[in-house]
Amino acid sequence: GHPANFAGQLYDVEQYEVDPETGR
């Protein structure tokens, strides 16, 4: 879903992240 990729251009994408303290 990156905006430079077809997925980011065709779909409405929200993203989650890893925990900044644990990296998990």
mmCIF file of all heavy atoms, coordinates in Angstrom:
data_MODEL
# 
_entry.id   MODEL 
# 
loop_
_atom_site.group_PDB 
_atom_site.id 
_atom_site.type_symbol 
_atom_site.label_atom_id 
_atom_site.label_alt_id 
_atom_site.label_comp_id 
_atom_site.label_asym_id 
_atom_site.label_entity_id 
_atom_site.label_seq_id 
_atom_site.pdbx_PDB_ins_code 
_atom_site.Cartn_x 
_atom_site.Cartn_y 
_atom_site.Cartn_z 
_atom_site.occupancy 
_atom_site.B_iso_or_equiv 
_atom_site.pdbx_formal_charge 
_atom_site.auth_seq_id 
_atom_site.auth_comp_id 
_atom_site.auth_asym_id 
_atom_site.auth_atom_id 
_atom_site.pdbx_PDB_model_num 
ATOM 1   N N   . GLY A 1 1  ? 0.767  -1.235  0.000  1.00 0.00 ? 1  GLY A N   1 
ATOM 2   C CA  . GLY A 1 1  ? 0.000  0.000   0.000  1.00 0.00 ? 1  GLY A CA  1 
ATOM 3   C C   . GLY A 1 1  ? 0.794  1.279   0.000  1.00 0.00 ? 1  GLY A C   1 
ATOM 4   O O   . GLY A 1 1  ? 0.252  2.350   0.262  1.00 0.00 ? 1  GLY A O   1 
ATOM 5   N N   . HIS A 1 2  ? 2.088  1.213   -0.310 1.00 0.00 ? 2  HIS A N   1 
ATOM 6   C CA  . HIS A 1 2  ? 2.880  2.441   -0.393 1.00 0.00 ? 2  HIS A CA  1 
ATOM 7   C C   . HIS A 1 2  ? 2.352  3.308   -1.533 1.00 0.00 ? 2  HIS A C   1 
ATOM 8   O O   . HIS A 1 2  ? 1.988  2.793   -2.598 1.00 0.00 ? 2  HIS A O   1 
ATOM 9   C CB  . HIS A 1 2  ? 4.350  2.102   -0.622 1.00 0.00 ? 2  HIS A CB  1 
ATOM 10  C CG  . HIS A 1 2  ? 5.267  3.269   -0.469 1.00 0.00 ? 2  HIS A CG  1 
ATOM 11  N ND1 . HIS A 1 2  ? 5.485  4.169   -1.478 1.00 0.00 ? 2  HIS A ND1 1 
ATOM 12  C CD2 . HIS A 1 2  ? 6.014  3.697   0.584  1.00 0.00 ? 2  HIS A CD2 1 
ATOM 13  C CE1 . HIS A 1 2  ? 6.340  5.092   -1.065 1.00 0.00 ? 2  HIS A CE1 1 
ATOM 14  N NE2 . HIS A 1 2  ? 6.664  4.829   0.176  1.00 0.00 ? 2  HIS A NE2 1 
ATOM 15  N N   . PRO A 1 3  ? 2.312  4.629   -1.343 1.00 0.00 ? 3  PRO A N   1 
ATOM 16  C CA  . PRO A 1 3  ? 1.735  5.501   -2.385 1.00 0.00 ? 3  PRO A CA  1 
ATOM 17  C C   . PRO A 1 3  ? 2.455  5.454   -3.718 1.00 0.00 ? 3  PRO A C   1 
ATOM 18  O O   . PRO A 1 3  ? 1.872  5.819   -4.749 1.00 0.00 ? 3  PRO A O   1 
ATOM 19  C CB  . PRO A 1 3  ? 1.797  6.904   -1.766 1.00 0.00 ? 3  PRO A CB  1 
ATOM 20  C CG  . PRO A 1 3  ? 2.754  6.797   -0.623 1.00 0.00 ? 3  PRO A CG  1 
ATOM 21  C CD  . PRO A 1 3  ? 2.660  5.392   -0.128 1.00 0.00 ? 3  PRO A CD  1 
ATOM 22  N N   . ALA A 1 4  ? 3.713  5.009   -3.754 1.00 0.00 ? 4  ALA A N   1 
ATOM 23  C CA  . ALA A 1 4  ? 4.420  4.899   -5.028 1.00 0.00 ? 4  ALA A CA  1 
ATOM 24  C C   . ALA A 1 4  ? 4.045  3.635   -5.792 1.00 0.00 ? 4  ALA A C   1 
ATOM 25  O O   . ALA A 1 4  ? 4.395  3.488   -6.956 1.00 0.00 ? 4  ALA A O   1 
ATOM 26  C CB  . ALA A 1 4  ? 5.932  4.924   -4.794 1.00 0.00 ? 4  ALA A CB  1 
ATOM 27  N N   . ASN A 1 5  ? 3.323  2.727   -5.134 1.00 0.00 ? 5  ASN A N   1 
ATOM 28  C CA  . ASN A 1 5  ? 2.980  1.433   -5.713 1.00 0.00 ? 5  ASN A CA  1 
ATOM 29  C C   . ASN A 1 5  ? 1.514  1.410   -6.136 1.00 0.00 ? 5  ASN A C   1 
ATOM 30  O O   . ASN A 1 5  ? 0.697  2.183   -5.642 1.00 0.00 ? 5  ASN A O   1 
ATOM 31  C CB  . ASN A 1 5  ? 3.255  0.336   -4.672 1.00 0.00 ? 5  ASN A CB  1 
ATOM 32  C CG  . ASN A 1 5  ? 3.010  -1.055  -5.190 1.00 0.00 ? 5  ASN A CG  1 
ATOM 33  O OD1 . ASN A 1 5  ? 1.946  -1.618  -4.988 1.00 0.00 ? 5  ASN A OD1 1 
ATOM 34  N ND2 . ASN A 1 5  ? 3.995  -1.623  -5.871 1.00 0.00 ? 5  ASN A ND2 1 
ATOM 35  N N   . PHE A 1 6  ? 1.172  0.496   -7.039 1.00 0.00 ? 6  PHE A N   1 
ATOM 36  C CA  . PHE A 1 6  ? -0.211 0.397   -7.513 1.00 0.00 ? 6  PHE A CA  1 
ATOM 37  C C   . PHE A 1 6  ? -1.187 0.232   -6.354 1.00 0.00 ? 6  PHE A C   1 
ATOM 38  O O   . PHE A 1 6  ? -2.309 0.763   -6.379 1.00 0.00 ? 6  PHE A O   1 
ATOM 39  C CB  . PHE A 1 6  ? -0.354 -0.771  -8.494 1.00 0.00 ? 6  PHE A CB  1 
ATOM 40  C CG  . PHE A 1 6  ? -0.445 -2.128  -7.837 1.00 0.00 ? 6  PHE A CG  1 
ATOM 41  C CD1 . PHE A 1 6  ? -1.689 -2.675  -7.522 1.00 0.00 ? 6  PHE A CD1 1 
ATOM 42  C CD2 . PHE A 1 6  ? 0.696  -2.845  -7.517 1.00 0.00 ? 6  PHE A CD2 1 
ATOM 43  C CE1 . PHE A 1 6  ? -1.777 -3.914  -6.902 1.00 0.00 ? 6  PHE A CE1 1 
ATOM 44  C CE2 . PHE A 1 6  ? 0.609  -4.078  -6.901 1.00 0.00 ? 6  PHE A CE2 1 
ATOM 45  C CZ  . PHE A 1 6  ? -0.628 -4.617  -6.592 1.00 0.00 ? 6  PHE A CZ  1 
ATOM 46  N N   . ALA A 1 7  ? -0.792 -0.507  -5.313 1.00 0.00 ? 7  ALA A N   1 
ATOM 47  C CA  . ALA A 1 7  ? -1.703 -0.762  -4.204 1.00 0.00 ? 7  ALA A CA  1 
ATOM 48  C C   . ALA A 1 7  ? -2.071 0.528   -3.482 1.00 0.00 ? 7  ALA A C   1 
ATOM 49  O O   . ALA A 1 7  ? -3.229 0.740   -3.106 1.00 0.00 ? 7  ALA A O   1 
ATOM 50  C CB  . ALA A 1 7  ? -1.076 -1.754  -3.227 1.00 0.00 ? 7  ALA A CB  1 
ATOM 51  N N   . GLY A 1 8  ? -1.084 1.399   -3.312 1.00 0.00 ? 8  GLY A N   1 
ATOM 52  C CA  . GLY A 1 8  ? -1.357 2.671   -2.669 1.00 0.00 ? 8  GLY A CA  1 
ATOM 53  C C   . GLY A 1 8  ? -2.135 3.627   -3.541 1.00 0.00 ? 8  GLY A C   1 
ATOM 54  O O   . GLY A 1 8  ? -2.783 4.559   -3.041 1.00 0.00 ? 8  GLY A O   1 
ATOM 55  N N   . GLN A 1 9  ? -2.078 3.403   -4.843 1.00 0.00 ? 9  GLN A N   1 
ATOM 56  C CA  . GLN A 1 9  ? -2.787 4.276   -5.780 1.00 0.00 ? 9  GLN A CA  1 
ATOM 57  C C   . GLN A 1 9  ? -4.221 3.813   -6.027 1.00 0.00 ? 9  GLN A C   1 
ATOM 58  O O   . GLN A 1 9  ? -5.099 4.627   -6.322 1.00 0.00 ? 9  GLN A O   1 
ATOM 59  C CB  . GLN A 1 9  ? -2.012 4.338   -7.102 1.00 0.00 ? 9  GLN A CB  1 
ATOM 60  C CG  . GLN A 1 9  ? -0.644 4.975   -6.957 1.00 0.00 ? 9  GLN A CG  1 
ATOM 61  C CD  . GLN A 1 9  ? 0.255  4.761   -8.165 1.00 0.00 ? 9  GLN A CD  1 
ATOM 62  O OE1 . GLN A 1 9  ? -0.223 4.368   -9.224 1.00 0.00 ? 9  GLN A OE1 1 
ATOM 63  N NE2 . GLN A 1 9  ? 1.550  4.993   -8.001 1.00 0.00 ? 9  GLN A NE2 1 
ATOM 64  N N   . LEU A 1 10 ? -4.484 2.519   -5.899 1.00 0.00 ? 10 LEU A N   1 
ATOM 65  C CA  . LEU A 1 10 ? -5.820 1.981   -6.159 1.00 0.00 ? 10 LEU A CA  1 
ATOM 66  C C   . LEU A 1 10 ? -6.693 1.908   -4.921 1.00 0.00 ? 10 LEU A C   1 
ATOM 67  O O   . LEU A 1 10 ? -7.927 1.950   -5.018 1.00 0.00 ? 10 LEU A O   1 
ATOM 68  C CB  . LEU A 1 10 ? -5.717 0.582   -6.761 1.00 0.00 ? 10 LEU A CB  1 
ATOM 69  C CG  . LEU A 1 10 ? -5.285 0.459   -8.220 1.00 0.00 ? 10 LEU A CG  1 
ATOM 70  C CD1 . LEU A 1 10 ? -5.232 -1.004  -8.619 1.00 0.00 ? 10 LEU A CD1 1 
ATOM 71  C CD2 . LEU A 1 10 ? -6.248 1.211   -9.137 1.00 0.00 ? 10 LEU A CD2 1 
ATOM 72  N N   . TYR A 1 11 ? -6.067 1.786   -3.753 1.00 0.00 ? 11 TYR A N   1 
ATOM 73  C CA  . TYR A 1 11 ? -6.831 1.514   -2.546 1.00 0.00 ? 11 TYR A CA  1 
ATOM 74  C C   . TYR A 1 11 ? -6.609 2.596   -1.492 1.00 0.00 ? 11 TYR A C   1 
ATOM 75  O O   . TYR A 1 11 ? -5.613 3.332   -1.518 1.00 0.00 ? 11 TYR A O   1 
ATOM 76  C CB  . TYR A 1 11 ? -6.454 0.136   -1.989 1.00 0.00 ? 11 TYR A CB  1 
ATOM 77  C CG  . TYR A 1 11 ? -6.641 -0.965  -3.018 1.00 0.00 ? 11 TYR A CG  1 
ATOM 78  C CD1 . TYR A 1 11 ? -5.541 -1.571  -3.624 1.00 0.00 ? 11 TYR A CD1 1 
ATOM 79  C CD2 . TYR A 1 11 ? -7.919 -1.368  -3.402 1.00 0.00 ? 11 TYR A CD2 1 
ATOM 80  C CE1 . TYR A 1 11 ? -5.713 -2.547  -4.588 1.00 0.00 ? 11 TYR A CE1 1 
ATOM 81  C CE2 . TYR A 1 11 ? -8.093 -2.352  -4.363 1.00 0.00 ? 11 TYR A CE2 1 
ATOM 82  C CZ  . TYR A 1 11 ? -6.991 -2.940  -4.956 1.00 0.00 ? 11 TYR A CZ  1 
ATOM 83  O OH  . TYR A 1 11 ? -7.165 -3.902  -5.915 1.00 0.00 ? 11 TYR A OH  1 
ATOM 84  N N   . ASP A 1 12 ? -7.541 2.670   -0.559 1.00 0.00 ? 12 ASP A N   1 
ATOM 85  C CA  . ASP A 1 12 ? -7.458 3.586   0.577  1.00 0.00 ? 12 ASP A CA  1 
ATOM 86  C C   . ASP A 1 12 ? -6.672 2.862   1.665  1.00 0.00 ? 12 ASP A C   1 
ATOM 87  O O   . ASP A 1 12 ? -7.158 1.876   2.232  1.00 0.00 ? 12 ASP A O   1 
ATOM 88  C CB  . ASP A 1 12 ? -8.866 3.949   1.046  1.00 0.00 ? 12 ASP A CB  1 
ATOM 89  C CG  . ASP A 1 12 ? -8.879 4.913   2.224  1.00 0.00 ? 12 ASP A CG  1 
ATOM 90  O OD1 . ASP A 1 12 ? -7.799 5.439   2.580  1.00 0.00 ? 12 ASP A OD1 1 
ATOM 91  O OD2 . ASP A 1 12 ? -9.973 5.136   2.783  1.00 0.00 ? 12 ASP A OD2 1 
ATOM 92  N N   . VAL A 1 13 ? -5.476 3.332   1.961  1.00 0.00 ? 13 VAL A N   1 
ATOM 93  C CA  . VAL A 1 13 ? -4.555 2.577   2.814  1.00 0.00 ? 13 VAL A CA  1 
ATOM 94  C C   . VAL A 1 13 ? -4.296 3.306   4.136  1.00 0.00 ? 13 VAL A C   1 
ATOM 95  O O   . VAL A 1 13 ? -3.982 4.498   4.156  1.00 0.00 ? 13 VAL A O   1 
ATOM 96  C CB  . VAL A 1 13 ? -3.213 2.333   2.096  1.00 0.00 ? 13 VAL A CB  1 
ATOM 97  C CG1 . VAL A 1 13 ? -2.263 1.554   3.006  1.00 0.00 ? 13 VAL A CG1 1 
ATOM 98  C CG2 . VAL A 1 13 ? -3.441 1.577   0.784  1.00 0.00 ? 13 VAL A CG2 1 
ATOM 99  N N   . GLU A 1 14 ? -4.447 2.571   5.209  1.00 0.00 ? 14 GLU A N   1 
ATOM 100 C CA  . GLU A 1 14 ? -4.038 3.017   6.549  1.00 0.00 ? 14 GLU A CA  1 
ATOM 101 C C   . GLU A 1 14 ? -2.953 2.052   7.014  1.00 0.00 ? 14 GLU A C   1 
ATOM 102 O O   . GLU A 1 14 ? -2.967 0.869   6.651  1.00 0.00 ? 14 GLU A O   1 
ATOM 103 C CB  . GLU A 1 14 ? -5.212 2.997   7.513  1.00 0.00 ? 14 GLU A CB  1 
ATOM 104 C CG  . GLU A 1 14 ? -4.891 3.467   8.923  1.00 0.00 ? 14 GLU A CG  1 
ATOM 105 C CD  . GLU A 1 14 ? -4.586 4.951   9.002  1.00 0.00 ? 14 GLU A CD  1 
ATOM 106 O OE1 . GLU A 1 14 ? -5.149 5.725   8.196  1.00 0.00 ? 14 GLU A OE1 1 
ATOM 107 O OE2 . GLU A 1 14 ? -3.782 5.340   9.871  1.00 0.00 ? 14 GLU A OE2 1 
ATOM 108 N N   . GLN A 1 15 ? -2.017 2.553   7.831  1.00 0.00 ? 15 GLN A N   1 
ATOM 109 C CA  . GLN A 1 15 ? -0.908 1.680   8.199  1.00 0.00 ? 15 GLN A CA  1 
ATOM 110 C C   . GLN A 1 15 ? -0.706 1.627   9.706  1.00 0.00 ? 15 GLN A C   1 
ATOM 111 O O   . GLN A 1 15 ? -0.948 2.585   10.424 1.00 0.00 ? 15 GLN A O   1 
ATOM 112 C CB  . GLN A 1 15 ? 0.371  2.137   7.490  1.00 0.00 ? 15 GLN A CB  1 
ATOM 113 C CG  . GLN A 1 15 ? 0.181  2.126   5.957  1.00 0.00 ? 15 GLN A CG  1 
ATOM 114 C CD  . GLN A 1 15 ? 1.455  2.026   5.185  1.00 0.00 ? 15 GLN A CD  1 
ATOM 115 O OE1 . GLN A 1 15 ? 2.249  2.939   5.193  1.00 0.00 ? 15 GLN A OE1 1 
ATOM 116 N NE2 . GLN A 1 15 ? 1.644  0.905   4.488  1.00 0.00 ? 15 GLN A NE2 1 
ATOM 117 N N   . TYR A 1 16 ? -0.301 0.446   10.159 1.00 0.00 ? 16 TYR A N   1 
ATOM 118 C CA  . TYR A 1 16 ? 0.060  0.265   11.561 1.00 0.00 ? 16 TYR A CA  1 
ATOM 119 C C   . TYR A 1 16 ? 1.584  0.221   11.667 1.00 0.00 ? 16 TYR A C   1 
ATOM 120 O O   . TYR A 1 16 ? 2.295  0.191   10.650 1.00 0.00 ? 16 TYR A O   1 
ATOM 121 C CB  . TYR A 1 16 ? -0.600 -0.990  12.144 1.00 0.00 ? 16 TYR A CB  1 
ATOM 122 C CG  . TYR A 1 16 ? -0.347 -2.291  11.414 1.00 0.00 ? 16 TYR A CG  1 
ATOM 123 C CD1 . TYR A 1 16 ? 0.664  -3.160  11.806 1.00 0.00 ? 16 TYR A CD1 1 
ATOM 124 C CD2 . TYR A 1 16 ? -1.168 -2.688  10.347 1.00 0.00 ? 16 TYR A CD2 1 
ATOM 125 C CE1 . TYR A 1 16 ? 0.879  -4.368  11.162 1.00 0.00 ? 16 TYR A CE1 1 
ATOM 126 C CE2 . TYR A 1 16 ? -0.975 -3.902  9.696  1.00 0.00 ? 16 TYR A CE2 1 
ATOM 127 C CZ  . TYR A 1 16 ? 0.050  -4.732  10.108 1.00 0.00 ? 16 TYR A CZ  1 
ATOM 128 O OH  . TYR A 1 16 ? 0.262  -5.921  9.465  1.00 0.00 ? 16 TYR A OH  1 
ATOM 129 N N   . GLU A 1 17 ? 2.101  0.238   12.887 1.00 0.00 ? 17 GLU A N   1 
ATOM 130 C CA  . GLU A 1 17 ? 3.538  0.307   13.120 1.00 0.00 ? 17 GLU A CA  1 
ATOM 131 C C   . GLU A 1 17 ? 3.943  -0.692  14.195 1.00 0.00 ? 17 GLU A C   1 
ATOM 132 O O   . GLU A 1 17 ? 3.090  -1.229  14.910 1.00 0.00 ? 17 GLU A O   1 
ATOM 133 C CB  . GLU A 1 17 ? 3.943  1.732   13.557 1.00 0.00 ? 17 GLU A CB  1 
ATOM 134 C CG  . GLU A 1 17 ? 3.633  2.808   12.537 1.00 0.00 ? 17 GLU A CG  1 
ATOM 135 C CD  . GLU A 1 17 ? 4.009  4.206   13.005 1.00 0.00 ? 17 GLU A CD  1 
ATOM 136 O OE1 . GLU A 1 17 ? 4.295  4.370   14.214 1.00 0.00 ? 17 GLU A OE1 1 
ATOM 137 O OE2 . GLU A 1 17 ? 4.028  5.132   12.165 1.00 0.00 ? 17 GLU A OE2 1 
ATOM 138 N N   . VAL A 1 18 ? 5.245  -0.925  14.296 1.00 0.00 ? 18 VAL A N   1 
ATOM 139 C CA  . VAL A 1 18 ? 5.743  -1.721  15.411 1.00 0.00 ? 18 VAL A CA  1 
ATOM 140 C C   . VAL A 1 18 ? 5.854  -0.832  16.641 1.00 0.00 ? 18 VAL A C   1 
ATOM 141 O O   . VAL A 1 18 ? 5.898  0.401   16.542 1.00 0.00 ? 18 VAL A O   1 
ATOM 142 C CB  . VAL A 1 18 ? 7.116  -2.360  15.098 1.00 0.00 ? 18 VAL A CB  1 
ATOM 143 C CG1 . VAL A 1 18 ? 7.020  -3.300  13.915 1.00 0.00 ? 18 VAL A CG1 1 
ATOM 144 C CG2 . VAL A 1 18 ? 8.184  -1.290  14.853 1.00 0.00 ? 18 VAL A CG2 1 
ATOM 145 N N   . ASP A 1 19 ? 5.876  -1.454  17.791 1.00 0.00 ? 19 ASP A N   1 
ATOM 146 C CA  . ASP A 1 19 ? 6.037  -0.714  19.041 1.00 0.00 ? 19 ASP A CA  1 
ATOM 147 C C   . ASP A 1 19 ? 7.413  -0.046  19.055 1.00 0.00 ? 19 ASP A C   1 
ATOM 148 O O   . ASP A 1 19 ? 8.432  -0.719  18.855 1.00 0.00 ? 19 ASP A O   1 
ATOM 149 C CB  . ASP A 1 19 ? 5.916  -1.673  20.229 1.00 0.00 ? 19 ASP A CB  1 
ATOM 150 C CG  . ASP A 1 19 ? 5.962  -0.968  21.563 1.00 0.00 ? 19 ASP A CG  1 
ATOM 151 O OD1 . ASP A 1 19 ? 7.035  -0.422  21.910 1.00 0.00 ? 19 ASP A OD1 1 
ATOM 152 O OD2 . ASP A 1 19 ? 4.937  -0.969  22.255 1.00 0.00 ? 19 ASP A OD2 1 
ATOM 153 N N   . PRO A 1 20 ? 7.485  1.285   19.277 1.00 0.00 ? 20 PRO A N   1 
ATOM 154 C CA  . PRO A 1 20 ? 8.779  1.966   19.209 1.00 0.00 ? 20 PRO A CA  1 
ATOM 155 C C   . PRO A 1 20 ? 9.762  1.523   20.286 1.00 0.00 ? 20 PRO A C   1 
ATOM 156 O O   . PRO A 1 20 ? 10.975 1.651   20.109 1.00 0.00 ? 20 PRO A O   1 
ATOM 157 C CB  . PRO A 1 20 ? 8.408  3.447   19.370 1.00 0.00 ? 20 PRO A CB  1 
ATOM 158 C CG  . PRO A 1 20 ? 7.078  3.435   20.049 1.00 0.00 ? 20 PRO A CG  1 
ATOM 159 C CD  . PRO A 1 20 ? 6.382  2.216   19.557 1.00 0.00 ? 20 PRO A CD  1 
ATOM 160 N N   . GLU A 1 21 ? 9.259  0.990   21.385 1.00 0.00 ? 21 GLU A N   1 
ATOM 161 C CA  . GLU A 1 21 ? 10.141 0.561   22.475 1.00 0.00 ? 21 GLU A CA  1 
ATOM 162 C C   . GLU A 1 21 ? 10.705 -0.832  22.234 1.00 0.00 ? 21 GLU A C   1 
ATOM 163 O O   . GLU A 1 21 ? 11.877 -1.102  22.511 1.00 0.00 ? 21 GLU A O   1 
ATOM 164 C CB  . GLU A 1 21 ? 9.379  0.588   23.805 1.00 0.00 ? 21 GLU A CB  1 
ATOM 165 C CG  . GLU A 1 21 ? 8.903  1.965   24.215 1.00 0.00 ? 21 GLU A CG  1 
ATOM 166 C CD  . GLU A 1 21 ? 10.071 2.922   24.456 1.00 0.00 ? 21 GLU A CD  1 
ATOM 167 O OE1 . GLU A 1 21 ? 11.103 2.483   24.988 1.00 0.00 ? 21 GLU A OE1 1 
ATOM 168 O OE2 . GLU A 1 21 ? 9.942  4.105   24.071 1.00 0.00 ? 21 GLU A OE2 1 
ATOM 169 N N   . THR A 1 22 ? 9.882  -1.724  21.712 1.00 0.00 ? 22 THR A N   1 
ATOM 170 C CA  . THR A 1 22 ? 10.306 -3.117  21.577 1.00 0.00 ? 22 THR A CA  1 
ATOM 171 C C   . THR A 1 22 ? 10.706 -3.492  20.156 1.00 0.00 ? 22 THR A C   1 
ATOM 172 O O   . THR A 1 22 ? 11.386 -4.507  19.958 1.00 0.00 ? 22 THR A O   1 
ATOM 173 C CB  . THR A 1 22 ? 9.172  -4.067  22.012 1.00 0.00 ? 22 THR A CB  1 
ATOM 174 O OG1 . THR A 1 22 ? 8.064  -3.915  21.095 1.00 0.00 ? 22 THR A OG1 1 
ATOM 175 C CG2 . THR A 1 22 ? 8.712  -3.736  23.429 1.00 0.00 ? 22 THR A CG2 1 
ATOM 176 N N   . GLY A 1 23 ? 10.262 -2.712  19.164 1.00 0.00 ? 23 GLY A N   1 
ATOM 177 C CA  . GLY A 1 23 ? 10.499 -3.078  17.768 1.00 0.00 ? 23 GLY A CA  1 
ATOM 178 C C   . GLY A 1 23 ? 9.658  -4.246  17.310 1.00 0.00 ? 23 GLY A C   1 
ATOM 179 O O   . GLY A 1 23 ? 9.880  -4.801  16.232 1.00 0.00 ? 23 GLY A O   1 
ATOM 180 N N   . ARG A 1 24 ? 8.661  -4.620  18.111 1.00 0.00 ? 24 ARG A N   1 
ATOM 181 C CA  . ARG A 1 24 ? 7.798  -5.754  17.777 1.00 0.00 ? 24 ARG A CA  1 
ATOM 182 C C   . ARG A 1 24 ? 6.390  -5.285  17.441 1.00 0.00 ? 24 ARG A C   1 
ATOM 183 O O   . ARG A 1 24 ? 5.978  -4.191  17.833 1.00 0.00 ? 24 ARG A O   1 
ATOM 184 C CB  . ARG A 1 24 ? 7.735  -6.746  18.950 1.00 0.00 ? 24 ARG A CB  1 
ATOM 185 C CG  . ARG A 1 24 ? 9.068  -7.436  19.244 1.00 0.00 ? 24 ARG A CG  1 
ATOM 186 C CD  . ARG A 1 24 ? 8.955  -8.258  20.521 1.00 0.00 ? 24 ARG A CD  1 
ATOM 187 N NE  . ARG A 1 24 ? 10.201 -8.920  20.864 1.00 0.00 ? 24 ARG A NE  1 
ATOM 188 C CZ  . ARG A 1 24 ? 10.454 -10.212 20.666 1.00 0.00 ? 24 ARG A CZ  1 
ATOM 189 N NH1 . ARG A 1 24 ? 9.536  -10.990 20.111 1.00 0.00 ? 24 ARG A NH1 1 
ATOM 190 N NH2 . ARG A 1 24 ? 11.609 -10.741 21.026 1.00 0.00 ? 24 ARG A NH2 1 
# 
